[in-house]
Amino acid sequence: MTQEEQTLVKRMDALAEELGKIRETETKGMNIFSAVGMARQEVKHSAFFAWLLTPYKGKQHDLDNAFLKAWLELLFNENAEGGHRSNSEILAEIGFHSINDFIPLLNAKKINVLTEECLISQERRIDILIECVEEKIVIVIENKVGTTTHDAQLQAYEDDVNQKYKEDGWKKIYVYLTPEGDLPYELELKDGRLVNQYKDHWCVYSYTTILKILKNVIGKLGRSEKDRKLKFLMEDYVEMVDTQILKNNPELFSKCKSIARQYKNELELLMAYVMDGLADIINYCKDKLDDYSAQFGQISFLNETDTRLEFITEKIRSFFGESFLAGKDSYPVLIRLAAMKGDVDITLFMENTSGNPADWTDKQRQFATLFHQTVEGKNRFCSLVHVVLLPEVERYGKLTEERRMTLDGKLDDFFGCKKMKELRELLV
């Protein structure tokens, strides 16, 4: 090993120590919510919000309706960006023009705040449901932390609410809660085609705004034992959301900037060797999919993250008809481009959500025969076509022209294989 290489190894060892300090900074201190792994668990966030929203008096958190009132007040101020409808516009159509219109609700003798509530279908659980029978007001909160809606989820909740609260006079408010106040979009079937539909009567709400409420409540708490315990819980929750979900950690930011300046060359070398280029690979393949739409119909993207892309073609979807969006937690057939076990691959497969071989649908059984396959003996998944796009070692580093050419060829192998050609002819 040359002197230059030895120096580089020492520098990389020193960098490793500094990167370890980043982790120490991120997890500094004891936090009850971090300890239970709550950061990305929507159910636990919903349970905590529901507890605060419930107007307890003389027990539990003893806030009465203070949190609920503050939450409703700021509901009017949360607005979607980009010229989309404001919450105040949506609420005005229902009959709520200011917090004063919520006073009957806030003064009601009983307000039910429920989590994971099934109204009609046992397959659909509303994250948070606020119900006041006395004032005929129902509020549906869909809570998303790092995930998106699926299977016409928001529309399904609306259908259940309309069926449950079908008497005249009920006022129904829908709220889409995300860390950054994202817009409520979801795939819906329109005129036989899947479209990404903006749900313009859903209000938006952000975790950032909830933290504002919590910080304000913390500042007003007294010195009683109950208040001290509540302050401890709220401060831990604010810290966990701020650092782990919203990524607001000044100390960590300062440490990262310092390391980036001191070890600039080493970091560039490190990234050149081990940077996971999966997101770039997925984006490149996504752009290339249009090349196959003439043969297989319009491409509809169902779920998309940095590690996977799930989509379907119009001709395949039309084979399943209305049953394709049946309000389930998964689709009966799907094309997935992902790196589940290292290699980057693309797979056309069917899924049986129950895992019971007897529950494969007639349409799925018919579709399997188009590939000269059978679902007999298969519990949950039936893979129909599978191609490895890049081996694991080639997903790291920059997306070179050579790798782009490999991806082009492998996508052609997938869509142009004998089975897919036969399928295309059968679906004409």
Protein backbone atom coordinates (compact mmCIF):
# COMPACT_ATOMS: atom_id res chain seq x y z
CA MET A 1 0.00 0.00 0.00
CA THR A 2 1.44 3.36 -1.01
CA GLN A 3 1.90 6.26 1.41
CA GLU A 4 -0.96 8.09 -0.31
CA GLU A 5 -3.27 5.10 0.07
CA GLN A 6 -2.33 4.71 3.75
CA THR A 7 -3.13 8.38 4.35
CA LEU A 8 -6.46 7.95 2.60
CA VAL A 9 -7.35 4.92 4.74
CA LYS A 10 -6.57 6.90 7.92
CA ARG A 11 -8.72 9.76 6.71
CA MET A 12 -11.58 7.37 5.98
CA ASP A 13 -11.25 5.89 9.49
CA ALA A 14 -11.42 9.39 10.97
CA LEU A 15 -14.49 10.11 8.81
CA ALA A 16 -16.15 6.94 10.13
CA GLU A 17 -15.68 8.20 13.69
CA GLU A 18 -17.19 11.58 12.80
CA LEU A 19 -20.17 9.93 11.11
CA GLY A 20 -20.71 7.94 14.30
CA LYS A 21 -20.99 11.23 16.18
CA ILE A 22 -23.80 12.27 13.83
CA ARG A 23 -25.80 9.29 15.01
CA GLU A 24 -25.08 10.23 18.63
CA THR A 25 -26.33 13.76 17.97
CA GLU A 26 -29.49 12.47 16.29
CA THR A 27 -30.38 10.20 19.22
CA LYS A 28 -29.11 12.46 22.00
CA GLY A 29 -31.09 12.20 25.21
CA MET A 30 -33.90 9.89 26.31
CA ASN A 31 -37.19 10.22 24.44
CA ILE A 32 -40.13 7.99 25.29
CA PHE A 33 -41.66 8.21 21.79
CA SER A 34 -38.37 7.41 20.07
CA ALA A 35 -37.86 4.49 22.47
CA VAL A 36 -41.06 2.82 21.29
CA GLY A 37 -40.20 3.40 17.61
CA MET A 38 -43.15 5.70 17.03
CA ALA A 39 -41.67 7.95 14.29
CA ARG A 40 -43.22 6.14 11.31
CA GLN A 41 -46.09 4.34 13.02
CA GLU A 42 -49.25 6.12 11.94
CA VAL A 43 -51.47 4.19 14.34
CA LYS A 44 -49.53 5.44 17.36
CA HIS A 45 -49.53 9.04 16.13
CA SER A 46 -53.28 8.80 15.59
CA ALA A 47 -53.81 7.41 19.08
CA PHE A 48 -51.81 10.27 20.62
CA PHE A 49 -53.71 12.91 18.60
CA ALA A 50 -57.06 11.32 19.47
CA TRP A 51 -56.16 11.38 23.16
CA LEU A 52 -55.38 15.10 22.97
CA LEU A 53 -58.46 15.89 20.86
CA THR A 54 -60.78 14.20 23.35
CA PRO A 55 -62.22 16.88 25.68
CA TYR A 56 -61.31 15.27 29.00
CA LYS A 57 -62.12 17.35 32.06
CA GLY A 58 -60.87 16.47 35.50
CA LYS A 59 -59.11 13.32 34.29
CA GLN A 60 -56.65 12.09 31.69
CA HIS A 61 -54.81 15.15 30.29
CA ASP A 62 -57.27 17.61 31.92
CA LEU A 63 -57.11 20.01 28.94
CA ASP A 64 -60.88 19.90 28.45
CA ASN A 65 -61.44 21.01 24.83
CA ALA A 66 -58.40 23.35 24.61
CA PHE A 67 -56.49 21.17 22.14
CA LEU A 68 -59.59 20.48 20.05
CA LYS A 69 -60.42 24.20 19.93
CA ALA A 70 -56.87 25.17 18.89
CA TRP A 71 -56.87 22.40 16.27
CA LEU A 72 -60.15 23.66 14.79
CA GLU A 73 -58.99 27.29 14.85
CA LEU A 74 -55.85 26.49 12.86
CA LEU A 75 -57.82 24.28 10.49
CA PHE A 76 -59.05 27.52 8.89
CA ASN A 77 -55.47 28.76 8.41
CA GLU A 78 -53.93 25.63 6.87
CA ASN A 79 -53.99 26.04 3.10
CA ALA A 80 -52.76 24.02 0.14
CA GLU A 81 -50.10 25.57 -2.07
CA GLY A 82 -50.15 26.15 -5.81
CA GLY A 83 -53.55 27.79 -6.17
CA HIS A 84 -55.52 24.83 -4.80
CA ARG A 85 -58.61 25.37 -2.68
CA SER A 86 -58.10 26.74 0.80
CA ASN A 87 -59.44 25.06 3.90
CA SER A 88 -61.55 28.13 4.64
CA GLU A 89 -63.28 27.77 1.25
CA ILE A 90 -64.00 24.10 1.86
CA LEU A 91 -65.28 24.70 5.39
CA ALA A 92 -67.47 27.64 4.29
CA GLU A 93 -69.32 25.36 1.88
CA ILE A 94 -70.22 23.11 4.82
CA GLY A 95 -71.36 26.06 6.96
CA PHE A 96 -68.26 26.83 9.03
CA HIS A 97 -66.91 30.35 8.50
CA SER A 98 -64.90 30.79 11.70
CA ILE A 99 -64.21 29.10 15.01
CA ASN A 100 -67.46 30.66 16.31
CA ASP A 101 -69.40 28.21 14.14
CA PHE A 102 -67.75 25.37 16.09
CA ILE A 103 -68.85 26.67 19.51
CA PRO A 104 -71.91 24.34 19.65
CA LEU A 105 -69.57 21.41 19.01
CA LEU A 106 -67.07 22.57 21.64
CA ASN A 107 -69.90 22.98 24.18
CA ALA A 108 -71.56 19.66 23.38
CA LYS A 109 -72.10 17.24 26.27
CA LYS A 110 -70.46 14.33 24.44
CA ILE A 111 -67.87 14.17 21.68
CA ASN A 112 -66.60 10.78 20.54
CA VAL A 113 -62.99 10.65 19.30
CA LEU A 114 -62.27 7.23 17.86
CA THR A 115 -59.26 5.61 16.16
CA GLU A 116 -59.10 2.77 13.61
CA GLU A 117 -62.88 3.01 13.33
CA CYS A 118 -64.78 0.74 10.91
CA LEU A 119 -68.04 2.39 9.86
CA ILE A 120 -69.32 -0.01 7.21
CA SER A 121 -66.61 -2.21 5.72
CA GLN A 122 -64.32 -4.15 8.08
CA GLU A 123 -61.53 -3.70 5.51
CA ARG A 124 -61.53 0.09 5.93
CA ARG A 125 -60.42 1.73 9.15
CA ILE A 126 -60.59 5.49 9.57
CA ASP A 127 -57.49 6.78 11.37
CA ILE A 128 -59.32 9.33 13.54
CA LEU A 129 -63.07 9.94 13.66
CA ILE A 130 -64.55 12.84 15.64
CA GLU A 131 -68.31 12.42 16.08
CA CYS A 132 -70.87 14.60 17.81
CA VAL A 133 -74.38 13.17 17.53
CA GLU A 134 -75.85 16.10 19.45
CA GLU A 135 -74.68 18.64 16.82
CA LYS A 136 -74.63 16.21 13.86
CA ILE A 137 -70.98 16.86 13.03
CA VAL A 138 -68.49 14.22 11.91
CA ILE A 139 -64.81 14.86 11.16
CA VAL A 140 -62.70 12.26 9.35
CA ILE A 141 -58.90 12.55 9.68
CA GLU A 142 -56.70 10.50 7.35
CA ASN A 143 -53.21 10.44 8.87
CA LYS A 144 -50.24 9.75 6.57
CA VAL A 145 -46.62 9.56 7.75
CA GLY A 146 -44.33 8.71 4.83
CA THR A 147 -47.04 6.85 2.85
CA THR A 148 -49.64 7.77 0.29
CA THR A 149 -53.26 6.85 -0.30
CA HIS A 150 -54.15 3.71 -2.26
CA ASP A 151 -57.10 1.91 -3.80
CA ALA A 152 -59.40 4.98 -3.87
CA GLN A 153 -59.00 5.06 -0.09
CA LEU A 154 -60.32 8.58 0.50
CA GLN A 155 -63.36 8.00 -1.68
CA ALA A 156 -64.07 4.74 0.15
CA TYR A 157 -64.08 6.60 3.48
CA GLU A 158 -66.49 9.17 2.06
CA ASP A 159 -68.79 6.40 0.86
CA ASP A 160 -68.79 4.79 4.31
CA VAL A 161 -69.43 8.14 6.03
CA ASN A 162 -72.32 8.95 3.69
CA GLN A 163 -73.86 5.56 4.36
CA LYS A 164 -73.36 5.73 8.14
CA TYR A 165 -74.49 9.36 8.54
CA LYS A 166 -77.18 9.45 5.88
CA GLU A 167 -79.77 11.38 7.85
CA ASP A 168 -80.38 15.00 6.84
CA GLY A 169 -78.44 17.65 8.68
CA TRP A 170 -75.12 15.91 9.19
CA LYS A 171 -72.09 18.11 8.47
CA LYS A 172 -69.10 16.13 7.24
CA ILE A 173 -65.52 17.43 7.34
CA TYR A 174 -62.61 15.55 5.77
CA VAL A 175 -59.00 16.28 6.76
CA TYR A 176 -55.80 14.98 5.13
CA LEU A 177 -53.00 15.08 7.74
CA THR A 178 -49.34 14.74 6.65
CA PRO A 179 -45.98 16.01 7.96
CA GLU A 180 -45.75 18.80 5.35
CA GLY A 181 -49.44 19.38 4.57
CA ASP A 182 -49.42 17.44 1.28
CA LEU A 183 -52.26 17.67 -1.20
CA PRO A 184 -54.88 14.87 -1.09
CA TYR A 185 -54.46 12.99 -4.38
CA GLU A 186 -55.43 9.39 -5.11
CA LEU A 187 -55.99 7.08 -8.06
CA GLU A 188 -59.58 6.72 -9.19
CA LEU A 189 -61.26 4.97 -12.08
CA LYS A 190 -62.72 7.56 -14.49
CA ASP A 191 -64.31 6.50 -17.79
CA GLY A 192 -62.45 3.21 -17.68
CA ARG A 193 -59.06 4.83 -16.99
CA LEU A 194 -56.99 5.33 -13.84
CA VAL A 195 -56.37 8.99 -13.09
CA ASN A 196 -54.62 10.73 -10.18
CA GLN A 197 -57.55 12.69 -8.78
CA TYR A 198 -57.24 15.75 -6.53
CA LYS A 199 -59.81 15.48 -3.70
CA ASP A 200 -60.79 19.14 -3.60
CA HIS A 201 -63.14 18.88 -0.63
CA TRP A 202 -60.51 17.43 1.73
CA CYS A 203 -58.85 19.99 4.01
CA VAL A 204 -55.08 19.77 4.47
CA TYR A 205 -53.30 19.78 7.82
CA SER A 206 -49.64 19.44 8.77
CA TYR A 207 -47.64 18.04 11.67
CA THR A 208 -45.83 21.39 11.75
CA THR A 209 -49.09 23.08 12.75
CA ILE A 210 -49.81 20.44 15.39
CA LEU A 211 -46.39 21.13 16.91
CA LYS A 212 -47.32 24.84 17.11
CA ILE A 213 -50.40 23.90 19.13
CA LEU A 214 -48.41 21.62 21.43
CA LYS A 215 -45.72 24.25 22.07
CA ASN A 216 -48.42 26.79 22.90
CA VAL A 217 -50.13 24.35 25.29
CA ILE A 218 -46.79 23.51 26.95
CA GLY A 219 -46.21 27.19 27.65
CA LYS A 220 -49.54 27.43 29.48
CA LEU A 221 -49.19 24.35 31.69
CA GLY A 222 -48.92 24.82 35.43
CA ARG A 223 -46.78 23.13 38.11
CA SER A 224 -49.14 20.38 39.24
CA GLU A 225 -47.97 16.78 38.97
CA LYS A 226 -50.48 16.11 36.19
CA ASP A 227 -49.30 19.17 34.24
CA ARG A 228 -45.65 18.19 34.68
CA LYS A 229 -46.34 14.72 33.31
CA LEU A 230 -48.27 16.14 30.38
CA LYS A 231 -45.48 18.63 29.67
CA PHE A 232 -42.95 15.78 29.66
CA LEU A 233 -45.02 13.81 27.14
CA MET A 234 -45.66 16.79 24.88
CA GLU A 235 -42.02 17.92 24.89
CA ASP A 236 -40.86 14.41 23.99
CA TYR A 237 -43.40 14.18 21.19
CA VAL A 238 -42.44 17.60 19.78
CA GLU A 239 -38.74 16.67 19.87
CA MET A 240 -39.36 13.31 18.17
CA VAL A 241 -41.46 14.79 15.35
CA ASP A 242 -39.14 17.77 14.92
CA THR A 243 -35.96 15.72 14.60
CA GLN A 244 -37.10 12.42 13.09
CA ILE A 245 -39.99 13.40 10.83
CA LEU A 246 -39.53 17.10 10.02
CA LYS A 247 -35.71 16.86 10.30
CA ASN A 248 -35.38 20.12 12.27
CA ASN A 249 -32.22 19.55 14.31
CA PRO A 250 -29.86 22.59 14.37
CA GLU A 251 -27.09 20.74 16.23
CA LEU A 252 -27.17 17.88 13.74
CA PHE A 253 -27.26 20.31 10.81
CA SER A 254 -24.19 22.13 12.13
CA LYS A 255 -22.31 18.86 12.66
CA CYS A 256 -23.06 17.64 9.14
CA LYS A 257 -21.90 20.91 7.60
CA SER A 258 -18.64 20.73 9.54
CA ILE A 259 -17.93 17.16 8.41
CA ALA A 260 -18.83 18.01 4.80
CA ARG A 261 -16.25 20.82 4.78
CA GLN A 262 -13.48 18.86 6.49
CA TYR A 263 -13.87 15.60 4.56
CA LYS A 264 -15.11 16.84 1.18
CA ASN A 265 -12.77 14.64 -0.94
CA GLU A 266 -13.32 11.54 1.19
CA LEU A 267 -17.10 11.92 1.04
CA GLU A 268 -17.02 12.26 -2.74
CA LEU A 269 -14.95 9.09 -2.98
CA LEU A 270 -17.26 7.29 -0.57
CA MET A 271 -20.36 8.29 -2.51
CA ALA A 272 -18.76 7.28 -5.81
CA TYR A 273 -18.29 3.75 -4.46
CA VAL A 274 -21.38 3.12 -2.34
CA MET A 275 -24.03 5.71 -3.24
CA ASP A 276 -27.26 3.84 -3.84
CA GLY A 277 -28.46 4.97 -7.26
CA LEU A 278 -31.78 3.15 -7.00
CA ALA A 279 -33.85 6.35 -7.05
CA ASP A 280 -32.12 7.48 -10.26
CA ILE A 281 -32.62 4.02 -11.77
CA ILE A 282 -36.33 4.05 -10.94
CA ASN A 283 -36.77 7.56 -12.35
CA TYR A 284 -34.97 6.60 -15.55
CA CYS A 285 -37.11 3.49 -16.01
CA LYS A 286 -40.25 5.47 -15.25
CA ASP A 287 -39.46 7.84 -18.12
CA LYS A 288 -38.83 4.89 -20.45
CA LEU A 289 -42.17 3.23 -19.75
CA ASP A 290 -43.94 5.53 -22.21
CA ASP A 291 -42.13 3.64 -24.98
CA TYR A 292 -44.35 0.63 -24.28
CA SER A 293 -47.71 2.38 -23.93
CA ALA A 294 -48.49 1.98 -27.65
CA GLN A 295 -48.37 -1.80 -27.22
CA PHE A 296 -49.83 -2.24 -23.74
CA GLY A 297 -51.91 0.91 -23.23
CA GLN A 298 -51.44 3.90 -20.95
CA ILE A 299 -49.20 3.39 -17.94
CA SER A 300 -50.88 4.14 -14.59
CA PHE A 301 -48.55 4.63 -11.61
CA LEU A 302 -50.05 3.21 -8.42
CA ASN A 303 -47.33 3.58 -5.77
CA GLU A 304 -43.96 5.29 -6.03
CA THR A 305 -41.10 5.65 -3.52
CA ASP A 306 -37.31 5.94 -3.73
CA THR A 307 -37.02 2.14 -3.58
CA ARG A 308 -39.86 0.92 -5.78
CA LEU A 309 -42.25 1.80 -8.56
CA GLU A 310 -45.60 0.02 -8.91
CA PHE A 311 -47.72 0.48 -12.00
CA ILE A 312 -50.14 -1.21 -14.39
CA THR A 313 -50.91 -0.91 -18.09
CA GLU A 314 -54.34 0.03 -19.37
CA LYS A 315 -54.82 -3.22 -21.30
CA ILE A 316 -53.95 -5.38 -18.31
CA ARG A 317 -56.13 -3.31 -16.00
CA SER A 318 -59.07 -3.48 -18.41
CA PHE A 319 -58.90 -7.29 -18.27
CA PHE A 320 -59.88 -7.06 -14.59
CA GLY A 321 -62.45 -4.30 -15.13
CA GLU A 322 -64.13 -2.71 -12.12
CA SER A 323 -62.68 -5.33 -9.77
CA PHE A 324 -59.23 -3.78 -10.19
CA LEU A 325 -60.06 -1.05 -7.66
CA ALA A 326 -62.20 -2.92 -5.18
CA GLY A 327 -61.16 -1.05 -2.05
CA LYS A 328 -58.65 -3.68 -0.98
CA ASP A 329 -55.21 -2.99 0.51
CA SER A 330 -53.55 -4.31 -2.65
CA TYR A 331 -54.23 -4.82 -6.33
CA PRO A 332 -55.15 -8.17 -7.94
CA VAL A 333 -52.34 -7.73 -10.49
CA LEU A 334 -49.35 -5.43 -10.45
CA ILE A 335 -46.04 -4.64 -12.14
CA ARG A 336 -43.34 -3.76 -9.61
CA LEU A 337 -39.91 -2.31 -10.31
CA ALA A 338 -37.84 -2.46 -7.14
CA ALA A 339 -34.78 -3.72 -5.29
CA MET A 340 -36.34 -5.90 -2.65
CA LYS A 341 -33.32 -8.21 -2.12
CA GLY A 342 -30.41 -6.33 -3.66
CA ASP A 343 -30.87 -6.82 -7.38
CA VAL A 344 -33.01 -4.31 -9.24
CA ASP A 345 -35.76 -6.26 -10.95
CA ILE A 346 -39.14 -5.90 -12.59
CA THR A 347 -41.98 -8.36 -11.98
CA LEU A 348 -45.52 -8.85 -13.21
CA PHE A 349 -47.36 -10.70 -10.45
CA MET A 350 -50.75 -11.34 -8.89
CA GLU A 351 -51.52 -11.16 -5.19
CA ASN A 352 -54.07 -12.92 -3.03
CA THR A 353 -54.28 -10.72 0.09
CA SER A 354 -55.78 -13.39 2.36
CA GLY A 355 -53.04 -15.93 1.71
CA ASN A 356 -55.74 -18.59 1.33
CA PRO A 357 -55.35 -20.51 -1.98
CA ALA A 358 -59.14 -20.78 -2.22
CA ASP A 359 -59.47 -16.99 -2.44
CA TRP A 360 -57.86 -16.49 -5.85
CA THR A 361 -60.55 -14.78 -7.94
CA ASP A 362 -61.90 -16.13 -11.21
CA LYS A 363 -60.29 -13.20 -13.03
CA GLN A 364 -56.91 -14.00 -11.51
CA ARG A 365 -57.24 -17.65 -12.45
CA GLN A 366 -58.15 -16.66 -16.01
CA PHE A 367 -55.24 -14.23 -16.18
CA ALA A 368 -52.79 -16.92 -15.03
CA THR A 369 -53.89 -19.19 -17.89
CA LEU A 370 -52.87 -16.47 -20.38
CA PHE A 371 -49.32 -17.15 -19.18
CA HIS A 372 -49.81 -20.93 -19.24
CA GLN A 373 -49.71 -20.94 -15.45
CA THR A 374 -52.00 -21.90 -12.61
CA VAL A 375 -52.49 -20.47 -9.13
CA GLU A 376 -52.98 -23.92 -7.63
CA GLY A 377 -50.60 -24.46 -4.73
CA LYS A 378 -49.77 -20.76 -4.47
CA ASN A 379 -50.80 -19.00 -1.28
CA ARG A 380 -50.33 -15.25 -1.69
CA PHE A 381 -48.20 -14.41 -4.74
CA CYS A 382 -48.11 -15.70 -8.29
CA SER A 383 -45.18 -14.36 -10.34
CA LEU A 384 -45.90 -14.30 -14.07
CA VAL A 385 -42.90 -12.51 -15.63
CA HIS A 386 -39.63 -11.58 -13.91
CA VAL A 387 -36.48 -9.92 -15.25
CA VAL A 388 -33.39 -8.70 -13.33
CA LEU A 389 -32.62 -5.21 -14.63
CA LEU A 390 -29.33 -4.71 -12.79
CA PRO A 391 -27.41 -6.95 -10.35
CA GLU A 392 -26.97 -5.52 -6.85
CA VAL A 393 -23.40 -4.29 -7.40
CA GLU A 394 -24.48 -2.16 -10.37
CA ARG A 395 -27.16 -0.20 -8.53
CA TYR A 396 -24.48 1.77 -6.69
CA GLY A 397 -22.65 4.83 -7.96
CA LYS A 398 -23.65 7.07 -10.84
CA LEU A 399 -26.13 6.00 -13.48
CA THR A 400 -23.67 5.75 -16.37
CA GLU A 401 -24.54 5.57 -20.05
CA GLU A 402 -23.53 1.91 -20.03
CA ARG A 403 -26.04 1.16 -17.26
CA ARG A 404 -28.74 3.11 -19.09
CA MET A 405 -28.16 0.93 -22.15
CA THR A 406 -28.39 -2.18 -19.96
CA LEU A 407 -31.67 -0.96 -18.49
CA ASP A 408 -33.04 -0.26 -21.98
CA GLY A 409 -32.22 -3.78 -23.05
CA LYS A 410 -33.65 -5.42 -19.94
CA LEU A 411 -36.90 -3.44 -20.16
CA ASP A 412 -37.17 -4.66 -23.76
CA ASP A 413 -36.58 -8.20 -22.48
CA PHE A 414 -39.46 -7.79 -20.02
CA PHE A 415 -42.05 -6.21 -22.31
CA GLY A 416 -40.88 -8.09 -25.40
CA CYS A 417 -40.60 -11.60 -23.98
CA LYS A 418 -42.70 -14.37 -25.52
CA LYS A 419 -45.24 -14.38 -22.67
CA MET A 420 -45.83 -10.62 -22.87
CA LYS A 421 -46.13 -10.76 -26.67
CA GLU A 422 -48.79 -13.46 -26.38
CA LEU A 423 -50.57 -11.42 -23.72
CA ARG A 424 -50.54 -8.32 -25.93
CA GLU A 425 -52.14 -10.26 -28.79
CA LEU A 426 -54.78 -11.76 -26.51
CA LEU A 427 -55.70 -8.37 -25.01
CA VAL A 428 -56.19 -6.58 -28.32
